[in-house]
Amino acid sequence: MGLAPFFDRARQSAAQVLRDFDADAFERRLGDVVVTLAFDAQAATSAEGLASLDMAARLIARLYPRVRVLTLGGDDALADELIELMRAINPNLEVVSKIGDGFHVAVVAGGTKLEADATVYMGSDRWIARVSTLAPARSGGSPNPFAAGAAACIAMANVFRAVFARWIAKASLDTDVTFSLLNFEMGDLAANDDLHAGLDLGLVQLVGVGAIGNAFVWSMSRLRGVKGELHLIDHETVELTNLQRYLLTAMTDVDASKVALAASILEDCGIEAQTFATTWAGYVERMGHHRFDRVAVALDTVRDRVQVQSSLPRRVYNAWTQAGDLGISRHGFDDKEACLACLYLPTGKRRNEDEIVAEELGFRTQEQILRVRSMLHLGMPVGEQFVREIAANIGTNAEALLLFANLPLRAFRQKAICGNAILRAADGAGPELEVPMAFQSALAGVMLAAEIVASTPEVRTAQPATRSVVDLMRALPGRISFPMLKRAPGPVRCICQDPDYISVYRAKYHVEAP
């Protein structure tokens, strides 16, 4: 069976969304499934259809080991290109021409019906994504990729729910979805418009070029007739486990700079990319000023998000994935709505970083916690002895962890825990971590990119509510966007309610007090 080299990470991700998870049963189910990616001439000759097929192929290859690419009167050359793309992601992929026994699920672009055990149709029209399990959804010919990408993400979530229905509580498929990436409304309220040629986005910072950032860049790279400047900010390189949900990556991209890879994808579009292989703090220091008009945030931690908000951009657009949902949020600072930091204010006592890290590594005593605190503060390499203690704590072979012994503790934690070495070595005995499914991260990134373009002056007529939230483990509801106001004054106060921060923000952007 053609499981990907990074399958451990995909299995970990699935374990967090499937109930009563059993690794062997999960692999057996994948071995029984053939996923067909099908298209007709209508999809193959439209820009939006090509975008949906590209997105779907990138998502399929990251999980499913057995696939079929089927032309329904379409272009055989395109089928070959999609197969080549999927094999670049998973060189072990088994491409079949006949279905045989087992479960057959198909995702279809274009206007042609196809019979399978489960069939999901994806289509789009400019800003509007359409997904159905009842009838084909045709693809538009516009240069707007956002709805096309979103449709593929939602379609692949339906494929996952169909394949693993018995492990998903209240599993159901989307019979008919109409979702606007312009005003983030559903059904009859979904707004649509042409994307005006010559639109100038101005300067935008993308902070974080991980899974969500990859989908953001994928979306921007497919825009045509739009110009702007994008600063790509991320200090990390691509690791093998990242391939589980980093859309832009293939096997040949392991060890590549994340920002350099993203910039290479943007070379043929109107977006001028500059790379900054550093953190947000390093970027701010390098720029030598603190005026940032629009910042797109695709970061993993609360601390990093709050750090961006504390530098007081004029507007912040945040994307996230977490247990149960994904989404984007929109933030000013000097208004009634919540700023980005408001979303992550503590509601009770929070543990310190040293306590969290100590627990993840199997240390429990106060003396051990103090030792971890010291290592975090000093930034010293963890060393062989420390690594062997961790291995003994979690009952695993130390060899998988000794590769990272020369790293400081924060970097060790990222590589060994977030990078899945501990989980892989311990065969599931290590700490449980949030690892989203690829289609979850991808939709969050597409939504973030769409919001950046839609929020450009004169693109849309009304600002959506603060947060737009989607749960891809369920059929999409009729409403996904909700307001969020600042908290009433109390013992925990956000920086957006601090007079000094407010004063600096108003002076920076010449905002008059209301």
Protein backbone atom coordinates (compact mmCIF):
# COMPACT_ATOMS: atom_id res chain seq x y z
CA MET A 1 0.00 0.00 0.00
CA GLY A 2 1.37 3.37 -1.05
CA LEU A 3 1.55 5.19 2.28
CA ALA A 4 3.46 8.46 2.23
CA PRO A 5 6.90 8.73 3.91
CA PHE A 6 5.30 11.16 6.38
CA PHE A 7 2.35 8.89 7.14
CA ASP A 8 3.06 8.86 10.89
CA ARG A 9 2.11 12.53 10.96
CA ALA A 10 -1.06 11.95 8.94
CA ARG A 11 -2.08 9.14 11.28
CA GLN A 12 -1.53 11.40 14.28
CA SER A 13 -3.72 14.05 12.67
CA ALA A 14 -6.53 11.60 11.96
CA ALA A 15 -6.38 10.29 15.52
CA GLN A 16 -7.45 13.70 16.77
CA VAL A 17 -10.64 13.91 14.72
CA LEU A 18 -11.78 10.26 14.73
CA ARG A 19 -13.36 8.66 17.79
CA ASP A 20 -12.24 5.25 19.13
CA PHE A 21 -9.17 5.56 16.93
CA ASP A 22 -7.27 2.38 16.16
CA ALA A 23 -4.12 2.76 14.08
CA ASP A 24 -4.34 -0.69 12.45
CA ALA A 25 -8.02 -0.25 11.57
CA PHE A 26 -7.25 3.19 10.16
CA GLU A 27 -4.58 1.79 7.85
CA ARG A 28 -6.80 -1.10 6.78
CA ARG A 29 -9.55 1.34 5.88
CA LEU A 30 -7.16 3.38 3.75
CA GLY A 31 -6.11 0.19 1.99
CA ASP A 32 -9.74 -0.55 1.11
CA VAL A 33 -10.38 2.88 -0.41
CA VAL A 34 -9.81 4.25 -3.88
CA VAL A 35 -10.22 8.01 -4.26
CA THR A 36 -11.04 9.12 -7.79
CA LEU A 37 -10.29 12.66 -8.90
CA ALA A 38 -12.45 13.22 -11.98
CA PHE A 39 -12.98 16.13 -14.35
CA ASP A 40 -14.56 16.91 -17.70
CA ALA A 41 -13.67 19.39 -20.45
CA GLN A 42 -15.67 22.16 -18.76
CA ALA A 43 -13.46 22.03 -15.67
CA ALA A 44 -10.24 21.37 -17.60
CA THR A 45 -10.66 24.52 -19.70
CA SER A 46 -11.60 26.94 -16.89
CA ALA A 47 -9.19 28.72 -14.54
CA GLU A 48 -11.32 27.98 -11.50
CA GLY A 49 -11.70 24.32 -12.44
CA LEU A 50 -7.94 23.97 -12.79
CA ALA A 51 -7.46 25.61 -9.38
CA SER A 52 -9.92 23.21 -7.73
CA LEU A 53 -8.24 20.20 -9.32
CA ASP A 54 -4.78 21.36 -8.28
CA MET A 55 -5.90 21.90 -4.68
CA ALA A 56 -7.74 18.56 -4.54
CA ALA A 57 -4.71 16.68 -5.93
CA ARG A 58 -2.42 18.25 -3.33
CA LEU A 59 -4.80 17.22 -0.53
CA ILE A 60 -5.47 13.69 -1.79
CA ALA A 61 -1.78 12.82 -2.05
CA ARG A 62 -1.11 13.71 1.59
CA LEU A 63 -3.37 10.99 3.00
CA TYR A 64 -4.79 8.48 0.55
CA PRO A 65 -2.44 5.74 -0.77
CA ARG A 66 -4.64 4.55 -3.68
CA VAL A 67 -5.97 7.03 -6.23
CA ARG A 68 -7.41 7.19 -9.72
CA VAL A 69 -7.46 10.22 -12.02
CA LEU A 70 -10.36 10.00 -14.44
CA THR A 71 -11.07 12.15 -17.50
CA LEU A 72 -14.76 12.51 -18.32
CA GLY A 73 -14.18 13.82 -21.81
CA GLY A 74 -11.41 16.03 -20.49
CA ASP A 75 -7.70 16.33 -21.22
CA ASP A 76 -5.47 13.27 -20.73
CA ALA A 77 -2.42 15.56 -20.48
CA LEU A 78 -3.98 17.27 -17.48
CA ALA A 79 -4.56 13.87 -15.87
CA ASP A 80 -0.86 13.08 -16.30
CA GLU A 81 0.08 16.43 -14.73
CA LEU A 82 -2.12 15.78 -11.70
CA ILE A 83 -0.61 12.32 -11.24
CA GLU A 84 2.90 13.78 -11.48
CA LEU A 85 2.02 16.39 -8.87
CA MET A 86 0.65 13.77 -6.46
CA ARG A 87 3.66 11.50 -6.91
CA ALA A 88 6.00 14.41 -6.18
CA ILE A 89 4.26 14.66 -2.81
CA ASN A 90 4.02 10.92 -2.16
CA PRO A 91 6.40 8.87 -4.33
CA ASN A 92 4.84 5.67 -2.95
CA LEU A 93 1.38 6.55 -4.30
CA GLU A 94 -0.49 3.71 -6.00
CA VAL A 95 -2.29 5.00 -9.10
CA VAL A 96 -4.96 2.56 -10.26
CA SER A 97 -6.98 2.39 -13.46
CA LYS A 98 -9.69 0.02 -12.21
CA ILE A 99 -11.69 0.25 -9.00
CA GLY A 100 -12.16 -3.38 -7.98
CA ASP A 101 -13.53 -4.23 -4.54
CA GLY A 102 -13.53 -1.90 -1.57
CA PHE A 103 -14.93 1.58 -1.03
CA HIS A 104 -14.90 3.99 -3.96
CA VAL A 105 -15.26 7.71 -3.36
CA ALA A 106 -15.06 10.30 -6.13
CA VAL A 107 -14.51 14.05 -6.13
CA VAL A 108 -15.63 15.60 -9.41
CA ALA A 109 -15.02 18.95 -11.10
CA GLY A 110 -17.20 19.98 -14.02
CA GLY A 111 -20.74 19.35 -15.18
CA THR A 112 -20.69 15.55 -15.53
CA LYS A 113 -22.28 13.05 -13.13
CA LEU A 114 -20.29 10.08 -11.86
CA GLU A 115 -21.47 7.04 -9.91
CA ALA A 116 -19.48 5.90 -6.88
CA ASP A 117 -20.12 4.70 -3.32
CA ALA A 118 -19.89 8.40 -2.46
CA THR A 119 -19.56 11.24 -4.96
CA VAL A 120 -18.71 14.83 -4.07
CA TYR A 121 -19.02 17.57 -6.70
CA MET A 122 -17.01 20.79 -6.43
CA GLY A 123 -17.38 24.00 -8.39
CA SER A 124 -17.12 27.75 -8.07
CA ASP A 125 -18.15 31.08 -9.55
CA ARG A 126 -15.68 33.89 -8.77
CA TRP A 127 -16.08 34.41 -4.98
CA ILE A 128 -18.68 31.65 -4.45
CA ALA A 129 -17.69 28.07 -3.64
CA ARG A 130 -20.17 25.30 -4.36
CA VAL A 131 -20.04 21.72 -3.08
CA SER A 132 -22.79 19.13 -3.52
CA THR A 133 -23.37 15.43 -3.12
CA LEU A 134 -26.50 15.66 -5.27
CA ALA A 135 -25.57 17.26 -8.59
CA PRO A 136 -22.52 18.54 -10.49
CA ALA A 137 -21.25 22.05 -9.71
CA ARG A 138 -19.61 23.72 -12.71
CA SER A 139 -16.44 25.80 -12.52
CA GLY A 140 -16.17 29.45 -13.54
CA GLY A 141 -13.58 30.99 -15.80
CA SER A 142 -12.55 33.96 -13.66
CA PRO A 143 -8.98 34.63 -12.42
CA ASN A 144 -10.27 34.49 -8.83
CA PRO A 145 -8.92 31.30 -7.14
CA PHE A 146 -10.38 31.66 -3.65
CA ALA A 147 -13.76 29.97 -4.03
CA ALA A 148 -12.23 27.30 -6.25
CA GLY A 149 -9.67 26.46 -3.58
CA ALA A 150 -12.25 26.55 -0.80
CA ALA A 151 -14.57 24.26 -2.76
CA ALA A 152 -11.79 21.68 -3.07
CA CYS A 153 -11.05 21.86 0.68
CA ILE A 154 -14.71 21.38 1.59
CA ALA A 155 -15.04 18.59 -0.97
CA MET A 156 -12.03 16.76 0.48
CA ALA A 157 -13.48 17.14 3.98
CA ASN A 158 -16.60 15.41 2.66
CA VAL A 159 -14.44 12.64 1.18
CA PHE A 160 -12.83 12.14 4.59
CA ARG A 161 -16.22 12.06 6.34
CA ALA A 162 -17.52 9.53 3.80
CA VAL A 163 -14.49 7.25 4.15
CA PHE A 164 -14.36 7.36 7.96
CA ALA A 165 -18.07 7.84 8.72
CA ARG A 166 -18.24 5.17 11.39
CA TRP A 167 -15.51 6.92 13.40
CA ILE A 168 -17.12 10.38 13.24
CA ALA A 169 -19.96 11.31 15.58
CA LYS A 170 -23.06 12.43 13.68
CA ALA A 171 -21.22 12.19 10.38
CA SER A 172 -23.10 13.68 7.44
CA LEU A 173 -22.17 15.05 4.04
CA ASP A 174 -22.88 18.47 2.57
CA THR A 175 -25.81 18.03 0.23
CA ASP A 176 -25.61 21.56 -1.19
CA VAL A 177 -23.18 24.29 -0.04
CA THR A 178 -23.03 27.86 -1.34
CA PHE A 179 -20.27 29.79 0.46
CA SER A 180 -19.03 33.28 -0.38
CA LEU A 181 -15.38 34.12 0.22
CA LEU A 182 -16.29 37.78 -0.38
CA ASN A 183 -18.67 38.40 2.54
CA PHE A 184 -18.29 35.01 4.31
CA GLU A 185 -22.02 34.30 4.17
CA MET A 186 -23.83 31.14 3.14
CA GLY A 187 -26.75 30.36 0.83
CA ASP A 188 -28.88 33.25 -0.39
CA LEU A 189 -26.76 35.78 1.53
CA ALA A 190 -23.57 34.80 -0.32
CA ALA A 191 -22.23 37.85 -2.16
CA ASN A 192 -20.41 37.76 -5.49
CA ASP A 193 -18.64 40.17 -7.82
CA ASP A 194 -15.91 40.38 -10.41
CA LEU A 195 -12.34 40.80 -9.24
CA HIS A 196 -11.33 44.12 -10.77
CA ALA A 197 -8.29 44.02 -13.04
CA GLY A 198 -5.42 46.17 -11.85
CA LEU A 199 -6.36 45.87 -8.17
CA ASP A 200 -3.45 46.93 -5.97
CA LEU A 201 -3.23 45.23 -2.57
CA GLY A 202 -0.46 47.52 -1.36
CA LEU A 203 1.98 46.09 1.18
CA VAL A 204 0.87 43.09 3.25
CA GLN A 205 2.92 41.13 5.78
CA LEU A 206 2.33 37.37 6.06
CA VAL A 207 3.65 36.22 9.44
CA GLY A 208 4.12 32.45 9.42
CA VAL A 209 4.59 30.38 6.25
CA GLY A 210 3.57 27.04 7.74
CA ALA A 211 0.48 25.02 6.81
CA ILE A 212 -1.93 27.97 6.78
CA GLY A 213 0.68 30.23 5.22
CA ASN A 214 1.27 27.70 2.44
CA ALA A 215 -2.41 27.79 1.48
CA PHE A 216 -2.34 31.59 1.64
CA VAL A 217 0.57 31.68 -0.80
CA TRP A 218 -1.04 29.02 -3.03
CA SER A 219 -4.09 31.29 -3.32
CA MET A 220 -2.13 34.45 -4.04
CA SER A 221 0.02 32.69 -6.63
CA ARG A 222 -3.05 31.91 -8.75
CA LEU A 223 -4.34 35.49 -8.85
CA ARG A 224 -4.14 37.25 -12.18
CA GLY A 225 -4.55 40.96 -12.83
CA VAL A 226 -3.79 41.83 -9.20
CA LYS A 227 -0.60 43.44 -7.93
CA GLY A 228 0.87 44.12 -4.53
CA GLU A 229 3.85 43.54 -2.26
CA LEU A 230 3.97 40.60 0.15
CA HIS A 231 6.55 40.29 2.92
CA LEU A 232 7.00 36.62 3.85
CA ILE A 233 8.18 36.25 7.46
CA ASP A 234 9.25 32.88 8.89
CA HIS A 235 12.60 31.72 10.28
CA GLU A 236 12.13 27.97 9.83
CA THR A 237 12.89 25.36 7.18
CA VAL A 238 10.70 22.56 5.81
CA GLU A 239 10.84 19.21 7.59
CA LEU A 240 9.55 15.85 6.36
CA THR A 241 6.62 15.85 8.78
CA ASN A 242 5.52 19.23 7.41
CA LEU A 243 4.56 17.58 4.12
CA GLN A 244 1.47 16.15 5.83
CA ARG A 245 -0.29 19.52 5.43
CA TYR A 246 2.03 22.05 3.72
CA LEU A 247 0.35 22.46 0.33
CA LEU A 248 3.33 23.85 -1.55
CA THR A 249 5.80 21.15 -0.51
CA ALA A 250 7.01 18.03 -2.24
CA MET A 251 9.64 15.51 -1.17
CA THR A 252 12.38 17.57 -2.81
CA ASP A 253 11.56 20.57 -0.57
CA VAL A 254 12.68 19.02 2.73
CA ASP A 255 15.23 21.35 4.39
CA ALA A 256 14.26 24.28 2.12
CA SER A 257 13.65 27.72 3.62
CA LYS A 258 9.91 28.20 4.03
CA VAL A 259 10.00 31.80 2.85
CA ALA A 260 12.25 31.02 -0.12
CA LEU A 261 9.94 28.22 -1.24
CA ALA A 262 6.90 30.48 -0.93
CA ALA A 263 8.60 33.27 -2.87
CA SER A 264 9.46 30.88 -5.71
CA ILE A 265 5.77 29.97 -6.04
CA LEU A 266 4.87 33.66 -6.43
CA GLU A 267 7.36 34.42 -9.20
CA ASP A 268 4.88 34.23 -12.08
CA CYS A 269 2.07 36.34 -10.63
CA GLY A 270 1.65 40.04 -9.98
CA ILE A 271 2.53 39.80 -6.29
CA GLU A 272 6.07 40.93 -5.54
CA ALA A 273 7.44 38.82 -2.68
CA GLN A 274 10.24 39.70 -0.29
CA THR A 275 11.59 37.10 2.11
CA PHE A 276 12.50 37.59 5.76
CA ALA A 277 13.91 34.45 7.36
CA THR A 278 13.31 35.73 10.87
CA THR A 279 10.66 36.06 13.55
CA TRP A 280 8.13 38.90 13.72
CA ALA A 281 10.30 40.63 16.34
CA GLY A 282 13.32 40.32 14.06
CA TYR A 283 11.33 41.68 11.14
CA VAL A 284 10.15 44.72 13.10
CA GLU A 285 13.71 45.42 14.22
CA ARG A 286 14.99 45.10 10.66
CA MET A 287 12.34 47.40 9.21
CA GLY A 288 13.24 50.15 11.66
CA HIS A 289 9.67 51.39 11.95
CA HIS A 290 6.41 50.22 13.47
CA ARG A 291 3.75 51.20 10.93
CA PHE A 292 2.10 48.14 9.40
CA ASP A 293 -1.14 48.69 7.51
CA ARG A 294 -2.39 45.09 7.09
CA VAL A 295 -0.81 42.02 8.67
CA ALA A 296 -1.93 38.46 7.91
CA VAL A 297 -1.21 36.18 10.87
CA ALA A 298 -0.71 32.44 10.35
CA LEU A 299 1.12 31.55 13.56
CA ASP A 300 0.84 28.59 15.93
CA THR A 301 1.06 30.06 19.42
CA VAL A 302 -0.86 32.52 21.55
CA ARG A 303 2.37 34.27 22.54
CA ASP A 304 3.34 34.91 18.92
CA ARG A 305 -0.11 36.22 18.03
CA VAL A 306 -0.17 38.60 20.99
CA GLN A 307 3.32 39.78 20.06
CA VAL A 308 2.08 40.77 16.61
CA GLN A 309 -0.92 42.61 18.06
CA SER A 310 1.26 44.40 20.61
CA SER A 311 3.28 45.95 17.77
CA LEU A 312 0.03 47.74 16.84
CA PRO A 313 -0.61 47.16 13.13
CA ARG A 314 -3.47 49.21 11.74
CA ARG A 315 -5.42 46.03 10.88
CA VAL A 316 -4.70 42.39 11.74
CA TYR A 317 -6.22 39.35 10.00
CA ASN A 318 -5.73 36.09 11.86
CA ALA A 319 -6.24 32.48 10.76
CA TRP A 320 -6.29 29.43 13.00
CA THR A 321 -6.98 25.74 13.22
CA GLN A 322 -7.82 24.11 16.53
CA ALA A 323 -9.67 21.10 17.92
CA GLY A 324 -13.16 21.31 16.48
CA ASP A 325 -12.91 24.19 14.03
CA LEU A 326 -10.89 26.57 11.90
CA GLY A 327 -11.43 30.13 10.85
CA ILE A 328 -10.28 33.68 10.41
CA SER A 329 -10.76 36.83 12.46
CA ARG A 330 -10.54 40.54 11.61
CA HIS A 331 -9.20 43.14 14.01
CA GLY A 332 -8.71 46.84 14.37
CA PHE A 333 -7.58 48.18 17.73
CA ASP A 334 -9.27 51.45 18.65
CA ASP A 335 -12.90 50.40 18.21
CA LYS A 336 -15.60 48.38 19.97
CA GLU A 337 -14.65 45.03 18.46
CA ALA A 338 -12.12 42.63 19.95
CA CYS A 339 -8.50 42.99 18.95
CA LEU A 340 -6.44 39.87 18.23
CA ALA A 341 -5.11 39.72 21.79
CA CYS A 342 -8.69 39.79 23.12
CA LEU A 343 -9.31 36.38 21.53
CA TYR A 344 -6.56 34.83 23.62
CA LEU A 345 -7.05 36.48 26.99
CA PRO A 346 -6.84 33.91 29.80
CA THR A 347 -10.15 32.98 31.43
CA GLY A 348 -8.48 31.46 34.48
CA LYS A 349 -5.07 30.62 35.86
CA ARG A 350 -2.72 29.55 33.10
CA ARG A 351 0.31 27.34 33.50
CA ASN A 352 3.74 28.72 32.80
CA GLU A 353 5.69 27.62 29.75
CA ASP A 354 8.17 25.69 31.91
CA GLU A 355 5.33 23.69 33.50
CA ILE A 356 3.86 22.81 30.11
CA VAL A 357 7.20 21.78 28.62
CA ALA A 358 8.16 19.78 31.71
CA GLU A 359 4.90 17.84 31.57
CA GLU A 360 5.31 17.10 27.85
CA LEU A 361 8.78 15.70 28.51
CA GLY A 362 7.73 13.58 31.45
CA PHE A 363 9.16 15.70 34.28
CA ARG A 364 6.91 16.18 37.33
CA THR A 365 8.86 17.33 40.40
CA GLN A 366 9.40 20.97 41.29
CA GLU A 367 13.16 20.48 40.99
CA GLN A 368 12.74 19.17 37.44
CA ILE A 369 10.43 22.06 36.51
CA LEU A 370 13.01 24.55 37.80
CA ARG A 371 15.66 22.81 35.71
CA VAL A 372 13.47 23.15 32.62
CA ARG A 373 12.85 26.82 33.46
CA SER A 374 16.59 27.45 33.62
CA MET A 375 17.21 25.73 30.29
CA LEU A 376 14.46 27.76 28.62
CA HIS A 377 15.92 30.97 29.99
CA LEU A 378 19.57 30.27 29.13
CA GLY A 379 18.92 28.78 25.66
CA MET A 380 21.57 26.12 26.19
CA PRO A 381 21.72 22.82 24.23
CA VAL A 382 19.76 20.08 25.98
CA GLY A 383 22.64 17.57 25.76
CA GLU A 384 22.76 13.77 25.64
CA GLN A 385 22.02 13.14 29.33
CA PHE A 386 18.86 15.24 29.26
CA VAL A 387 17.68 13.45 26.13
CA ARG A 388 18.22 10.05 27.71
CA GLU A 389 16.22 11.14 30.76
CA ILE A 390 13.33 12.13 28.50
CA ALA A 391 13.50 8.80 26.66
CA ALA A 392 13.36 6.96 29.99
CA ASN A 393 10.41 9.09 31.13
CA ILE A 394 8.26 8.25 28.13
CA GLY A 395 9.55 4.71 27.62
CA THR A 396 11.12 5.04 24.18
CA ASN A 397 14.44 4.48 22.46
CA ALA A 398 16.70 7.50 22.90
CA GLU A 399 18.23 7.18 19.42
CA ALA A 400 15.29 8.94 17.75
CA LEU A 401 15.78 11.91 20.07
CA LEU A 402 19.57 12.15 20.23
CA LEU A 403 19.53 13.70 16.74
CA PHE A 404 18.28 16.89 18.44
CA ALA A 405 20.58 16.88 21.51
CA ASN A 406 22.58 19.88 20.32
CA LEU A 407 19.51 22.14 20.16
CA PRO A 408 18.23 24.57 22.82
CA LEU A 409 15.16 23.32 24.67
CA ARG A 410 12.56 25.30 22.71
CA ALA A 411 14.00 24.09 19.42
CA PHE A 412 14.32 20.55 20.81
CA ARG A 413 10.65 20.64 21.81
CA GLN A 414 9.65 21.78 18.35
CA LYS A 415 11.70 19.18 16.50
CA ALA A 416 11.18 16.22 18.83
CA ILE A 417 7.61 16.80 19.94
CA CYS A 418 5.94 19.06 17.41
CA GLY A 419 8.05 17.34 14.74
CA ASN A 420 6.60 14.03 15.91
CA ALA A 421 9.86 12.22 16.74
CA ILE A 422 8.70 11.38 20.24
CA LEU A 423 5.31 10.19 19.08
CA ARG A 424 6.83 8.16 16.28
CA ALA A 425 9.51 6.61 18.49
CA ALA A 426 7.15 5.85 21.34
CA ASP A 427 4.45 4.45 19.04
CA GLY A 428 1.81 6.74 20.45
CA ALA A 429 3.01 6.88 24.04
CA GLY A 430 4.14 10.50 23.87
CA PRO A 431 2.17 13.68 24.51
CA GLU A 432 -0.97 14.32 22.51
CA LEU A 433 -0.64 17.33 20.20
CA GLU A 434 -2.96 19.19 17.87
CA VAL A 435 -2.12 18.34 14.27
CA PRO A 436 -4.87 19.51 11.89
CA MET A 437 -5.91 17.62 8.81
CA ALA A 438 -4.50 19.03 5.58
CA PHE A 439 -7.89 20.20 4.32
CA GLN A 440 -8.47 22.10 7.58
CA SER A 441 -5.23 24.08 7.36
CA ALA A 442 -5.73 24.63 3.64
CA LEU A 443 -9.20 26.13 4.04
CA ALA A 444 -7.98 28.43 6.82
CA GLY A 445 -5.19 29.69 4.55
CA VAL A 446 -7.49 30.20 1.55
CA MET A 447 -9.95 32.11 3.75
CA LEU A 448 -7.13 34.32 5.08
CA ALA A 449 -5.90 35.15 1.56
CA ALA A 450 -9.45 35.86 0.39
CA GLU A 451 -9.98 38.19 3.35
CA ILE A 452 -6.81 40.16 2.53
CA VAL A 453 -8.00 40.74 -1.04
CA ALA A 454 -11.64 41.33 -0.08
CA SER A 455 -10.66 43.87 2.59
CA THR A 456 -8.76 45.98 0.05
CA PRO A 457 -10.62 49.30 -0.42
CA GLU A 458 -13.49 49.23 -2.95
CA VAL A 459 -13.57 45.42 -3.28
CA ARG A 460 -16.60 44.80 -1.06
CA THR A 461 -19.31 47.01 0.35
CA ALA A 462 -19.55 45.77 3.95
CA GLN A 463 -17.13 44.34 6.52
CA PRO A 464 -18.06 40.88 7.85
CA ALA A 465 -18.33 40.23 11.59
CA THR A 466 -15.19 39.66 13.67
CA ARG A 467 -14.89 35.88 13.33
CA SER A 468 -15.78 33.39 10.58
CA VAL A 469 -15.69 29.80 11.88
CA VAL A 470 -16.01 26.47 10.06
CA ASP A 471 -16.10 22.90 11.40
CA LEU A 472 -15.18 20.59 8.52
CA MET A 473 -16.09 17.47 10.51
CA ARG A 474 -19.76 18.46 10.14
CA ALA A 475 -22.02 19.64 7.35
CA LEU A 476 -21.63 23.40 7.03
CA PRO A 477 -24.30 25.47 8.81
CA GLY A 478 -26.28 28.40 7.43
CA ARG A 479 -24.18 31.00 9.25
CA ILE A 480 -20.45 31.07 9.99
CA SER A 481 -19.63 34.72 10.85
CA PHE A 482 -20.15 36.21 14.30
CA PRO A 483 -19.28 39.50 16.05
CA MET A 484 -17.01 39.64 19.06
CA LEU A 485 -16.78 42.77 21.20
CA LYS A 486 -14.13 43.78 23.69
CA ARG A 487 -14.67 42.41 27.17
CA ALA A 488 -16.23 44.58 29.82
CA PRO A 489 -13.58 46.12 32.12
CA GLY A 490 -12.56 43.67 34.82
CA PRO A 491 -9.55 42.11 36.52
CA VAL A 492 -8.18 40.92 33.16
CA ARG A 493 -7.77 43.82 30.74
CA CYS A 494 -6.52 43.61 27.18
CA ILE A 495 -3.89 45.94 25.72
CA CYS A 496 -6.59 47.47 23.50
CA GLN A 497 -8.19 48.83 26.70
CA ASP A 498 -4.92 50.32 27.98
CA PRO A 499 -4.71 54.13 27.62
CA ASP A 500 -1.00 54.07 26.75
CA TYR A 501 -1.44 51.55 23.92
CA ILE A 502 -4.48 53.40 22.63
CA SER A 503 -2.59 56.70 22.65
CA VAL A 504 0.34 55.22 20.70
CA TYR A 505 -2.01 53.61 18.16
CA ARG A 506 -3.88 56.88 17.55
CA ALA A 507 -0.66 58.84 17.15
CA LYS A 508 0.82 56.25 14.80
CA TYR A 509 -2.10 56.25 12.39
CA HIS A 510 -3.39 59.79 13.03
CA VAL A 511 -6.65 58.49 14.46
CA GLU A 512 -8.82 60.95 16.33
CA ALA A 513 -10.35 59.90 19.63
CA PRO A 514 -14.04 59.02 19.22
